[in-house]
PDB file of N, CA and C in Angstrom:
ATOM      1  N   MET A   1       0.826  -1.181   0.000  1.00  0.00           N
ATOM      2  CA  MET A   1       0.000   0.000   0.000  1.00  0.00           C
ATOM      3  C   MET A   1       0.878   1.255   0.000  1.00  0.00           C
ATOM      4  N   THR A   2       0.462   2.265  -0.711  1.00  0.00           N
ATOM      5  CA  THR A   2       1.255   3.487  -0.786  1.00  0.00           C
ATOM      6  C   THR A   2       1.094   4.312   0.492  1.00  0.00           C
ATOM      7  N   GLU A   3       2.055   5.202   0.703  1.00  0.00           N
ATOM      8  CA  GLU A   3       1.983   6.082   1.874  1.00  0.00           C
ATOM      9  C   GLU A   3       0.750   6.988   1.810  1.00  0.00           C
ATOM     10  N   THR A   4       0.422   7.452   0.607  1.00  0.00           N
ATOM     11  CA  THR A   4      -0.763   8.302   0.441  1.00  0.00           C
ATOM     12  C   THR A   4      -2.013   7.554   0.864  1.00  0.00           C
ATOM     13  N   ARG A   5      -2.150   6.336   0.375  1.00  0.00           N
ATOM     14  CA  ARG A   5      -3.331   5.531   0.704  1.00  0.00           C
ATOM     15  C   ARG A   5      -3.421   5.259   2.202  1.00  0.00           C
ATOM     16  N   MET A   6      -2.301   4.910   2.814  1.00  0.00           N
ATOM     17  CA  MET A   6      -2.273   4.635   4.251  1.00  0.00           C
ATOM     18  C   MET A   6      -2.638   5.885   5.057  1.00  0.00           C
ATOM     19  N   ALA A   7      -2.092   7.034   4.667  1.00  0.00           N
ATOM     20  CA  ALA A   7      -2.392   8.274   5.384  1.00  0.00           C
ATOM     21  C   ALA A   7      -3.882   8.609   5.282  1.00  0.00           C
ATOM     22  N   LEU A   8      -4.465   8.403   4.107  1.00  0.00           N
ATOM     23  CA  LEU A   8      -5.876   8.719   3.936  1.00  0.00           C
ATOM     24  C   LEU A   8      -6.780   7.727   4.654  1.00  0.00           C
ATOM     25  N   LEU A   9      -6.415   6.459   4.661  1.00  0.00           N
ATOM     26  CA  LEU A   9      -7.182   5.475   5.429  1.00  0.00           C
ATOM     27  C   LEU A   9      -7.191   5.843   6.909  1.00  0.00           C
ATOM     28  N   GLU A  10      -6.040   6.208   7.426  1.00  0.00           N
ATOM     29  CA  GLU A  10      -5.959   6.597   8.838  1.00  0.00           C
ATOM     30  C   GLU A  10      -6.741   7.886   9.098  1.00  0.00           C
ATOM     31  N   ALA A  11      -6.663   8.828   8.166  1.00  0.00           N
ATOM     32  CA  ALA A  11      -7.390  10.094   8.327  1.00  0.00           C
ATOM     33  C   ALA A  11      -8.895   9.863   8.379  1.00  0.00           C
ATOM     34  N   VAL A  12      -9.413   8.987   7.522  1.00  0.00           N
ATOM     35  CA  VAL A  12     -10.837   8.676   7.535  1.00  0.00           C
ATOM     36  C   VAL A  12     -11.205   7.972   8.842  1.00  0.00           C
ATOM     37  N   ALA A  13     -10.424   6.986   9.223  1.00  0.00           N
ATOM     38  CA  ALA A  13     -10.720   6.208  10.435  1.00  0.00           C
ATOM     39  C   ALA A  13     -10.679   7.068  11.692  1.00  0.00           C
ATOM     40  N   ARG A  14      -9.730   7.999  11.759  1.00  0.00           N
ATOM     41  CA  ARG A  14      -9.543   8.809  12.962  1.00  0.00           C
ATOM     42  C   ARG A  14     -10.149  10.216  12.860  1.00  0.00           C
ATOM     43  N   ARG A  15     -10.745  10.523  11.706  1.00  0.00           N
ATOM     44  CA  ARG A  15     -11.311  11.856  11.448  1.00  0.00           C
ATOM     45  C   ARG A  15     -10.268  12.941  11.678  1.00  0.00           C
ATOM     46  N   ARG A  16      -9.162  12.807  10.949  1.00  0.00           N
ATOM     47  CA  ARG A  16      -8.060  13.759  11.050  1.00  0.00           C
ATOM     48  C   ARG A  16      -7.854  14.459   9.714  1.00  0.00           C
ATOM     49  N   VAL A  17      -7.455  15.700   9.775  1.00  0.00           N
ATOM     50  CA  VAL A  17      -7.170  16.518   8.605  1.00  0.00           C
ATOM     51  C   VAL A  17      -5.856  16.071   7.979  1.00  0.00           C
ATOM     52  N   VAL A  18      -5.792  16.158   6.653  1.00  0.00           N
ATOM     53  CA  VAL A  18      -4.536  15.941   5.934  1.00  0.00           C
ATOM     54  C   VAL A  18      -4.210  17.192   5.142  1.00  0.00           C
ATOM     55  N   THR A  19      -2.934  17.395   4.914  1.00  0.00           N
ATOM     56  CA  THR A  19      -2.512  18.426   3.977  1.00  0.00           C
ATOM     57  C   THR A  19      -2.004  17.702   2.742  1.00  0.00           C
ATOM     58  N   ALA A  20      -2.181  18.321   1.581  1.00  0.00           N
ATOM     59  CA  ALA A  20      -1.763  17.684   0.333  1.00  0.00           C
ATOM     60  C   ALA A  20      -1.613  18.725  -0.764  1.00  0.00           C
ATOM     61  N   GLN A  21      -0.875  18.352  -1.777  1.00  0.00           N
ATOM     62  CA  GLN A  21      -0.761  19.134  -3.000  1.00  0.00           C
ATOM     63  C   GLN A  21      -1.645  18.471  -4.041  1.00  0.00           C
ATOM     64  N   TYR A  22      -2.447  19.270  -4.744  1.00  0.00           N
ATOM     65  CA  TYR A  22      -3.289  18.757  -5.828  1.00  0.00           C
ATOM     66  C   TYR A  22      -3.247  19.785  -6.945  1.00  0.00           C
ATOM     67  N   ASN A  23      -2.774  19.375  -8.101  1.00  0.00           N
ATOM     68  CA  ASN A  23      -2.599  20.296  -9.239  1.00  0.00           C
ATOM     69  C   ASN A  23      -1.779  21.520  -8.844  1.00  0.00           C
ATOM     70  N   GLY A  24      -0.747  21.293  -8.024  1.00  0.00           N
ATOM     71  CA  GLY A  24       0.156  22.364  -7.634  1.00  0.00           C
ATOM     72  C   GLY A  24      -0.358  23.290  -6.550  1.00  0.00           C
ATOM     73  N   VAL A  25      -1.517  22.996  -5.987  1.00  0.00           N
ATOM     74  CA  VAL A  25      -2.113  23.835  -4.941  1.00  0.00           C
ATOM     75  C   VAL A  25      -2.078  23.079  -3.617  1.00  0.00           C
ATOM     76  N   THR A  26      -1.619  23.750  -2.560  1.00  0.00           N
ATOM     77  CA  THR A  26      -1.626  23.145  -1.233  1.00  0.00           C
ATOM     78  C   THR A  26      -3.026  23.267  -0.649  1.00  0.00           C
ATOM     79  N   MET A  27      -3.538  22.142  -0.160  1.00  0.00           N
ATOM     80  CA  MET A  27      -4.881  22.115   0.404  1.00  0.00           C
ATOM     81  C   MET A  27      -4.866  21.451   1.769  1.00  0.00           C
ATOM     82  N   LYS A  28      -5.880  21.799   2.542  1.00  0.00           N
ATOM     83  CA  LYS A  28      -6.136  21.173   3.838  1.00  0.00           C
ATOM     84  C   LYS A  28      -7.456  20.432   3.656  1.00  0.00           C
ATOM     85  N   LEU A  29      -7.419  19.092   3.758  1.00  0.00           N
ATOM     86  CA  LEU A  29      -8.585  18.268   3.458  1.00  0.00           C
ATOM     87  C   LEU A  29      -9.102  17.521   4.679  1.00  0.00           C
ATOM     88  N   ALA A  30     -10.425  17.420   4.757  1.00  0.00           N
ATOM     89  CA  ALA A  30     -11.102  16.610   5.770  1.00  0.00           C
ATOM     90  C   ALA A  30     -11.709  15.412   5.026  1.00  0.00           C
ATOM     91  N   PRO A  31     -10.980  14.293   4.955  1.00  0.00           N
ATOM     92  CA  PRO A  31     -11.456  13.147   4.170  1.00  0.00           C
ATOM     93  C   PRO A  31     -12.608  12.409   4.843  1.00  0.00           C
ATOM     94  N   HIS A  32     -13.689  12.238   4.105  1.00  0.00           N
ATOM     95  CA  HIS A  32     -14.880  11.560   4.610  1.00  0.00           C
ATOM     96  C   HIS A  32     -15.018  10.137   4.075  1.00  0.00           C
ATOM     97  N   LEU A  33     -14.485   9.874   2.874  1.00  0.00           N
ATOM     98  CA  LEU A  33     -14.604   8.525   2.313  1.00  0.00           C
ATOM     99  C   LEU A  33     -13.559   8.265   1.248  1.00  0.00           C
ATOM    100  N   LEU A  34     -13.293   6.977   1.047  1.00  0.00           N
ATOM    101  CA  LEU A  34     -12.458   6.507  -0.054  1.00  0.00           C
ATOM    102  C   LEU A  34     -13.328   5.617  -0.921  1.00  0.00           C
ATOM    103  N   PHE A  35     -13.176   5.767  -2.231  1.00  0.00           N
ATOM    104  CA  PHE A  35     -13.951   4.930  -3.143  1.00  0.00           C
ATOM    105  C   PHE A  35     -13.150   4.646  -4.404  1.00  0.00           C
ATOM    106  N   GLU A  36     -13.571   3.610  -5.099  1.00  0.00           N
ATOM    107  CA  GLU A  36     -12.920   3.207  -6.341  1.00  0.00           C
ATOM    108  C   GLU A  36     -13.860   3.513  -7.496  1.00  0.00           C
ATOM    109  N   ARG A  37     -13.280   4.072  -8.557  1.00  0.00           N
ATOM    110  CA  ARG A  37     -14.042   4.370  -9.776  1.00  0.00           C
ATOM    111  C   ARG A  37     -13.183   3.939 -10.963  1.00  0.00           C
ATOM    112  N   HIS A  38     -13.685   3.006 -11.728  1.00  0.00           N
ATOM    113  CA  HIS A  38     -12.988   2.515 -12.930  1.00  0.00           C
ATOM    114  C   HIS A  38     -11.553   2.079 -12.621  1.00  0.00           C
ATOM    115  N   GLY A  39     -11.360   1.452 -11.465  1.00  0.00           N
ATOM    116  CA  GLY A  39     -10.044   0.929 -11.096  1.00  0.00           C
ATOM    117  C   GLY A  39      -9.120   1.931 -10.423  1.00  0.00           C
ATOM    118  N   ASP A  40      -9.546   3.172 -10.275  1.00  0.00           N
ATOM    119  CA  ASP A  40      -8.731   4.197  -9.617  1.00  0.00           C
ATOM    120  C   ASP A  40      -9.334   4.550  -8.265  1.00  0.00           C
ATOM    121  N   LEU A  41      -8.464   4.853  -7.305  1.00  0.00           N
ATOM    122  CA  LEU A  41      -8.929   5.267  -5.981  1.00  0.00           C
ATOM    123  C   LEU A  41      -9.110   6.769  -5.911  1.00  0.00           C
ATOM    124  N   PHE A  42     -10.173   7.185  -5.238  1.00  0.00           N
ATOM    125  CA  PHE A  42     -10.493   8.590  -5.026  1.00  0.00           C
ATOM    126  C   PHE A  42     -10.785   8.799  -3.555  1.00  0.00           C
ATOM    127  N   VAL A  43     -10.599  10.027  -3.107  1.00  0.00           N
ATOM    128  CA  VAL A  43     -11.003  10.418  -1.765  1.00  0.00           C
ATOM    129  C   VAL A  43     -12.080  11.486  -1.908  1.00  0.00           C
ATOM    130  N   GLY A  44     -13.129  11.351  -1.118  1.00  0.00           N
ATOM    131  CA  GLY A  44     -14.158  12.383  -1.016  1.00  0.00           C
ATOM    132  C   GLY A  44     -13.829  13.202   0.216  1.00  0.00           C
ATOM    133  N   ALA A  45     -13.472  14.458   0.003  1.00  0.00           N
ATOM    134  CA  ALA A  45     -12.993  15.272   1.116  1.00  0.00           C
ATOM    135  C   ALA A  45     -13.491  16.701   1.009  1.00  0.00           C
ATOM    136  N   TRP A  46     -13.687  17.310   2.159  1.00  0.00           N
ATOM    137  CA  TRP A  46     -14.013  18.726   2.244  1.00  0.00           C
ATOM    138  C   TRP A  46     -12.705  19.486   2.172  1.00  0.00           C
ATOM    139  N   ASN A  47     -12.582  20.364   1.187  1.00  0.00           N
ATOM    140  CA  ASN A  47     -11.403  21.209   1.048  1.00  0.00           C
ATOM    141  C   ASN A  47     -11.572  22.399   1.984  1.00  0.00           C
ATOM    142  N   MET A  48     -10.924  22.340   3.125  1.00  0.00           N
ATOM    143  CA  MET A  48     -11.089  23.348   4.165  1.00  0.00           C
ATOM    144  C   MET A  48     -10.450  24.688   3.800  1.00  0.00           C
ATOM    145  N   THR A  49      -9.590  24.705   2.787  1.00  0.00           N
ATOM    146  CA  THR A  49      -8.930  25.951   2.387  1.00  0.00           C
ATOM    147  C   THR A  49      -9.703  26.691   1.303  1.00  0.00           C
ATOM    148  N   LYS A  50     -10.728  26.072   0.776  1.00  0.00           N
ATOM    149  CA  LYS A  50     -11.522  26.694  -0.276  1.00  0.00           C
ATOM    150  C   LYS A  50     -12.483  27.704   0.346  1.00  0.00           C
ATOM    151  N   ASN A  51     -12.526  28.878  -0.241  1.00  0.00           N
ATOM    152  CA  ASN A  51     -13.441  29.909   0.258  1.00  0.00           C
ATOM    153  C   ASN A  51     -14.860  29.574  -0.175  1.00  0.00           C
ATOM    154  N   ALA A  52     -15.736  29.483   0.795  1.00  0.00           N
ATOM    155  CA  ALA A  52     -17.156  29.225   0.525  1.00  0.00           C
ATOM    156  C   ALA A  52     -17.977  30.263   1.279  1.00  0.00           C
ATOM    157  N   ARG A  53     -19.151  30.502   0.786  1.00  0.00           N
ATOM    158  CA  ARG A  53     -20.018  31.445   1.491  1.00  0.00           C
ATOM    159  C   ARG A  53     -20.449  30.823   2.818  1.00  0.00           C
ATOM    160  N   PRO A  54     -20.437  31.596   3.885  1.00  0.00           N
ATOM    161  CA  PRO A  54     -20.752  31.056   5.217  1.00  0.00           C
ATOM    162  C   PRO A  54     -22.135  30.425   5.325  1.00  0.00           C
ATOM    163  N   GLU A  55     -23.096  30.882   4.544  1.00  0.00           N
ATOM    164  CA  GLU A  55     -24.446  30.322   4.648  1.00  0.00           C
ATOM    165  C   GLU A  55     -24.563  28.962   3.951  1.00  0.00           C
ATOM    166  N   ASN A  56     -23.558  28.577   3.183  1.00  0.00           N
ATOM    167  CA  ASN A  56     -23.591  27.287   2.485  1.00  0.00           C
ATOM    168  C   ASN A  56     -22.865  26.217   3.290  1.00  0.00           C
ATOM    169  N   GLU A  57     -23.457  25.041   3.348  1.00  0.00           N
ATOM    170  CA  GLU A  57     -22.789  23.914   3.989  1.00  0.00           C
ATOM    171  C   GLU A  57     -21.632  23.463   3.095  1.00  0.00           C
ATOM    172  N   PRO A  58     -20.509  23.095   3.693  1.00  0.00           N
ATOM    173  CA  PRO A  58     -19.389  22.603   2.877  1.00  0.00           C
ATOM    174  C   PRO A  58     -19.802  21.385   2.053  1.00  0.00           C
ATOM    175  N   ARG A  59     -19.147  21.197   0.923  1.00  0.00           N
ATOM    176  CA  ARG A  59     -19.411  20.040   0.063  1.00  0.00           C
ATOM    177  C   ARG A  59     -18.124  19.264  -0.137  1.00  0.00           C
ATOM    178  N   LEU A  60     -18.281  17.985  -0.400  1.00  0.00           N
ATOM    179  CA  LEU A  60     -17.123  17.146  -0.664  1.00  0.00           C
ATOM    180  C   LEU A  60     -16.676  17.301  -2.102  1.00  0.00           C
ATOM    181  N   GLY A  61     -15.366  17.385  -2.272  1.00  0.00           N
ATOM    182  CA  GLY A  61     -14.758  17.295  -3.587  1.00  0.00           C
ATOM    183  C   GLY A  61     -14.213  15.891  -3.742  1.00  0.00           C
ATOM    184  N   HIS A  62     -14.044  15.432  -4.963  1.00  0.00           N
ATOM    185  CA  HIS A  62     -13.500  14.102  -5.222  1.00  0.00           C
ATOM    186  C   HIS A  62     -12.129  14.265  -5.856  1.00  0.00           C
ATOM    187  N   PHE A  63     -11.127  13.681  -5.205  1.00  0.00           N
ATOM    188  CA  PHE A  63      -9.746  13.834  -5.627  1.00  0.00           C
ATOM    189  C   PHE A  63      -9.141  12.465  -5.919  1.00  0.00           C
ATOM    190  N   LYS A  64      -8.591  12.305  -7.103  1.00  0.00           N
ATOM    191  CA  LYS A  64      -7.939  11.055  -7.477  1.00  0.00           C
ATOM    192  C   LYS A  64      -6.641  10.932  -6.678  1.00  0.00           C
ATOM    193  N   LEU A  65      -6.448   9.788  -6.031  1.00  0.00           N
ATOM    194  CA  LEU A  65      -5.269   9.613  -5.199  1.00  0.00           C
ATOM    195  C   LEU A  65      -3.991   9.788  -6.003  1.00  0.00           C
ATOM    196  N   GLY A  66      -4.015   9.361  -7.263  1.00  0.00           N
ATOM    197  CA  GLY A  66      -2.839   9.500  -8.117  1.00  0.00           C
ATOM    198  C   GLY A  66      -2.441  10.941  -8.367  1.00  0.00           C
ATOM    199  N   GLY A  67      -3.361  11.883  -8.158  1.00  0.00           N
ATOM    200  CA  GLY A  67      -3.075  13.297  -8.364  1.00  0.00           C
ATOM    201  C   GLY A  67      -2.647  14.029  -7.108  1.00  0.00           C
ATOM    202  N   LEU A  68      -2.704  13.354  -5.960  1.00  0.00           N
ATOM    203  CA  LEU A  68      -2.302  13.968  -4.698  1.00  0.00           C
ATOM    204  C   LEU A  68      -0.815  13.752  -4.454  1.00  0.00           C
ATOM    205  N   ALA A  69      -0.151  14.771  -3.953  1.00  0.00           N
ATOM    206  CA  ALA A  69       1.273  14.670  -3.621  1.00  0.00           C
ATOM    207  C   ALA A  69       1.497  15.257  -2.236  1.00  0.00           C
ATOM    208  N   ASP A  70       2.590  14.856  -1.625  1.00  0.00           N
ATOM    209  CA  ASP A  70       2.982  15.383  -0.310  1.00  0.00           C
ATOM    210  C   ASP A  70       1.850  15.290   0.711  1.00  0.00           C
ATOM    211  N   VAL A  71       1.155  14.166   0.729  1.00  0.00           N
ATOM    212  CA  VAL A  71       0.049  13.969   1.673  1.00  0.00           C
ATOM    213  C   VAL A  71       0.630  13.759   3.074  1.00  0.00           C
ATOM    214  N   ALA A  72       0.155  14.544   4.025  1.00  0.00           N
ATOM    215  CA  ALA A  72       0.631  14.441   5.403  1.00  0.00           C
ATOM    216  C   ALA A  72      -0.563  14.427   6.350  1.00  0.00           C
ATOM    217  N   LEU A  73      -0.613  13.410   7.171  1.00  0.00           N
ATOM    218  CA  LEU A  73      -1.646  13.291   8.197  1.00  0.00           C
ATOM    219  C   LEU A  73      -1.312  14.259   9.331  1.00  0.00           C
ATOM    220  N   THR A  74      -2.320  14.987   9.815  1.00  0.00           N
ATOM    221  CA  THR A  74      -2.112  15.880  10.951  1.00  0.00           C
ATOM    222  C   THR A  74      -2.874  15.310  12.152  1.00  0.00           C
ATOM    223  N   GLU A  75      -2.692  15.909  13.284  1.00  0.00           N
ATOM    224  CA  GLU A  75      -3.445  15.518  14.479  1.00  0.00           C
ATOM    225  C   GLU A  75      -4.680  16.387  14.656  1.00  0.00           C
ATOM    226  N   GLU A  76      -4.930  17.281  13.699  1.00  0.00           N
ATOM    227  CA  GLU A  76      -6.098  18.163  13.787  1.00  0.00           C
ATOM    228  C   GLU A  76      -7.370  17.379  13.475  1.00  0.00           C
ATOM    229  N   PRO A  77      -8.303  17.309  14.420  1.00  0.00           N
ATOM    230  CA  PRO A  77      -9.559  16.594  14.165  1.00  0.00           C
ATOM    231  C   PRO A  77     -10.520  17.453  13.342  1.00  0.00           C
ATOM    232  N   PHE A  78     -11.518  16.804  12.753  1.00  0.00           N
ATOM    233  CA  PHE A  78     -12.578  17.534  12.070  1.00  0.00           C
ATOM    234  C   PHE A  78     -13.912  16.876  12.374  1.00  0.00           C
ATOM    235  N   GLU A  79     -14.954  17.675  12.288  1.00  0.00           N
ATOM    236  CA  GLU A  79     -16.319  17.167  12.435  1.00  0.00           C
ATOM    237  C   GLU A  79     -16.868  16.897  11.042  1.00  0.00           C
ATOM    238  N   PRO A  80     -17.519  15.758  10.841  1.00  0.00           N
ATOM    239  CA  PRO A  80     -18.088  15.468   9.524  1.00  0.00           C
ATOM    240  C   PRO A  80     -19.130  16.509   9.115  1.00  0.00           C
ATOM    241  N   ILE A  81     -19.265  16.695   7.833  1.00  0.00           N
ATOM    242  CA  ILE A  81     -20.311  17.561   7.299  1.00  0.00           C
ATOM    243  C   ILE A  81     -21.651  16.978   7.746  1.00  0.00           C
ATOM    244  N   PRO A  82     -22.538  17.770   8.332  1.00  0.00           N
ATOM    245  CA  PRO A  82     -23.791  17.249   8.889  1.00  0.00           C
ATOM    246  C   PRO A  82     -24.637  16.409   7.924  1.00  0.00           C
ATOM    247  N   SER A  83     -24.680  16.777   6.670  1.00  0.00           N
ATOM    248  CA  SER A  83     -25.522  16.052   5.712  1.00  0.00           C
ATOM    249  C   SER A  83     -24.813  14.858   5.062  1.00  0.00           C
ATOM    250  N   PHE A  84     -23.584  14.553   5.494  1.00  0.00           N
ATOM    251  CA  PHE A  84     -22.820  13.473   4.870  1.00  0.00           C
ATOM    252  C   PHE A  84     -23.518  12.126   5.036  1.00  0.00           C
ATOM    253  N   ALA A  85     -23.637  11.411   3.926  1.00  0.00           N
ATOM    254  CA  ALA A  85     -24.175  10.042   3.928  1.00  0.00           C
ATOM    255  C   ALA A  85     -23.066   9.124   3.431  1.00  0.00           C
ATOM    256  N   PRO A  86     -22.695   8.116   4.215  1.00  0.00           N
ATOM    257  CA  PRO A  86     -21.572   7.247   3.839  1.00  0.00           C
ATOM    258  C   PRO A  86     -21.929   6.286   2.698  1.00  0.00           C
ATOM    259  N   ALA A  87     -21.875   6.806   1.485  1.00  0.00           N
ATOM    260  CA  ALA A  87     -22.179   6.002   0.295  1.00  0.00           C
ATOM    261  C   ALA A  87     -21.286   6.467  -0.848  1.00  0.00           C
ATOM    262  N   ALA A  88     -21.047   5.561  -1.777  1.00  0.00           N
ATOM    263  CA  ALA A  88     -20.265   5.908  -2.964  1.00  0.00           C
ATOM    264  C   ALA A  88     -21.019   6.978  -3.757  1.00  0.00           C
ATOM    265  N   PRO A  89     -20.304   7.930  -4.356  1.00  0.00           N
ATOM    266  CA  PRO A  89     -20.973   9.026  -5.072  1.00  0.00           C
ATOM    267  C   PRO A  89     -21.841   8.582  -6.259  1.00  0.00           C
ATOM    268  N   ARG A  90     -21.409   7.563  -6.987  1.00  0.00           N
ATOM    269  CA  ARG A  90     -22.158   7.072  -8.149  1.00  0.00           C
ATOM    270  C   ARG A  90     -22.496   5.600  -7.949  1.00  0.00           C
ATOM    271  N   ALA A  91     -23.521   5.166  -8.631  1.00  0.00           N
ATOM    272  CA  ALA A  91     -23.971   3.774  -8.501  1.00  0.00           C
ATOM    273  C   ALA A  91     -22.900   2.763  -8.905  1.00  0.00           C
ATOM    274  N   ASP A  92     -22.048   3.124  -9.874  1.00  0.00           N
ATOM    275  CA  ASP A  92     -21.013   2.184 -10.323  1.00  0.00           C
ATOM    276  C   ASP A  92     -19.684   2.356  -9.590  1.00  0.00           C
ATOM    277  N   ASP A  93     -19.607   3.244  -8.589  1.00  0.00           N
ATOM    278  CA  ASP A  93     -18.422   3.380  -7.736  1.00  0.00           C
ATOM    279  C   ASP A  93     -18.487   2.321  -6.639  1.00  0.00           C
ATOM    280  N   THR A  94     -17.322   1.967  -6.101  1.00  0.00           N
ATOM    281  CA  THR A  94     -17.248   1.017  -4.994  1.00  0.00           C
ATOM    282  C   THR A  94     -16.714   1.724  -3.755  1.00  0.00           C
ATOM    283  N   LEU A  95     -17.507   1.734  -2.701  1.00  0.00           N
ATOM    284  CA  LEU A  95     -17.090   2.338  -1.448  1.00  0.00           C
ATOM    285  C   LEU A  95     -16.014   1.478  -0.803  1.00  0.00           C
ATOM    286  N   VAL A  96     -14.904   2.084  -0.426  1.00  0.00           N
ATOM    287  CA  VAL A  96     -13.810   1.365   0.246  1.00  0.00           C
ATOM    288  C   VAL A  96     -13.895   1.581   1.748  1.00  0.00           C
ATOM    289  N   MET A  97     -14.126   2.837   2.156  1.00  0.00           N
ATOM    290  CA  MET A  97     -14.163   3.170   3.577  1.00  0.00           C
ATOM    291  C   MET A  97     -14.823   4.535   3.748  1.00  0.00           C
ATOM    292  N   ALA A  98     -15.566   4.704   4.820  1.00  0.00           N
ATOM    293  CA  ALA A  98     -16.183   5.992   5.119  1.00  0.00           C
ATOM    294  C   ALA A  98     -16.203   6.209   6.618  1.00  0.00           C
ATOM    295  N   ILE A  99     -16.314   7.472   7.025  1.00  0.00           N
ATOM    296  CA  ILE A  99     -16.388   7.783   8.451  1.00  0.00           C
ATOM    297  C   ILE A  99     -17.752   7.371   8.985  1.00  0.00           C
TER     298      ILE A  99
END
């Protein structure tokens, strides 16, 4: 198993924030689930560094694990998004793990 995959599995299990590079941008992610789509692994995570309007509930973004770099598990906890439902995003996706 890759270090990225292990860090994200632990982050989901322990509800811990990770930092990562994605398309050259440093992000702070709250991973809620891991899933497989067409043989590739993805993480469904709230991008905590993305500016959102305060009246809107945060939404999960889907990030291909192969596109993440410098993934680091932190000890910072996070609370799940209130409306989160632990299910694969699409009917043909396979859920690997969810909070």
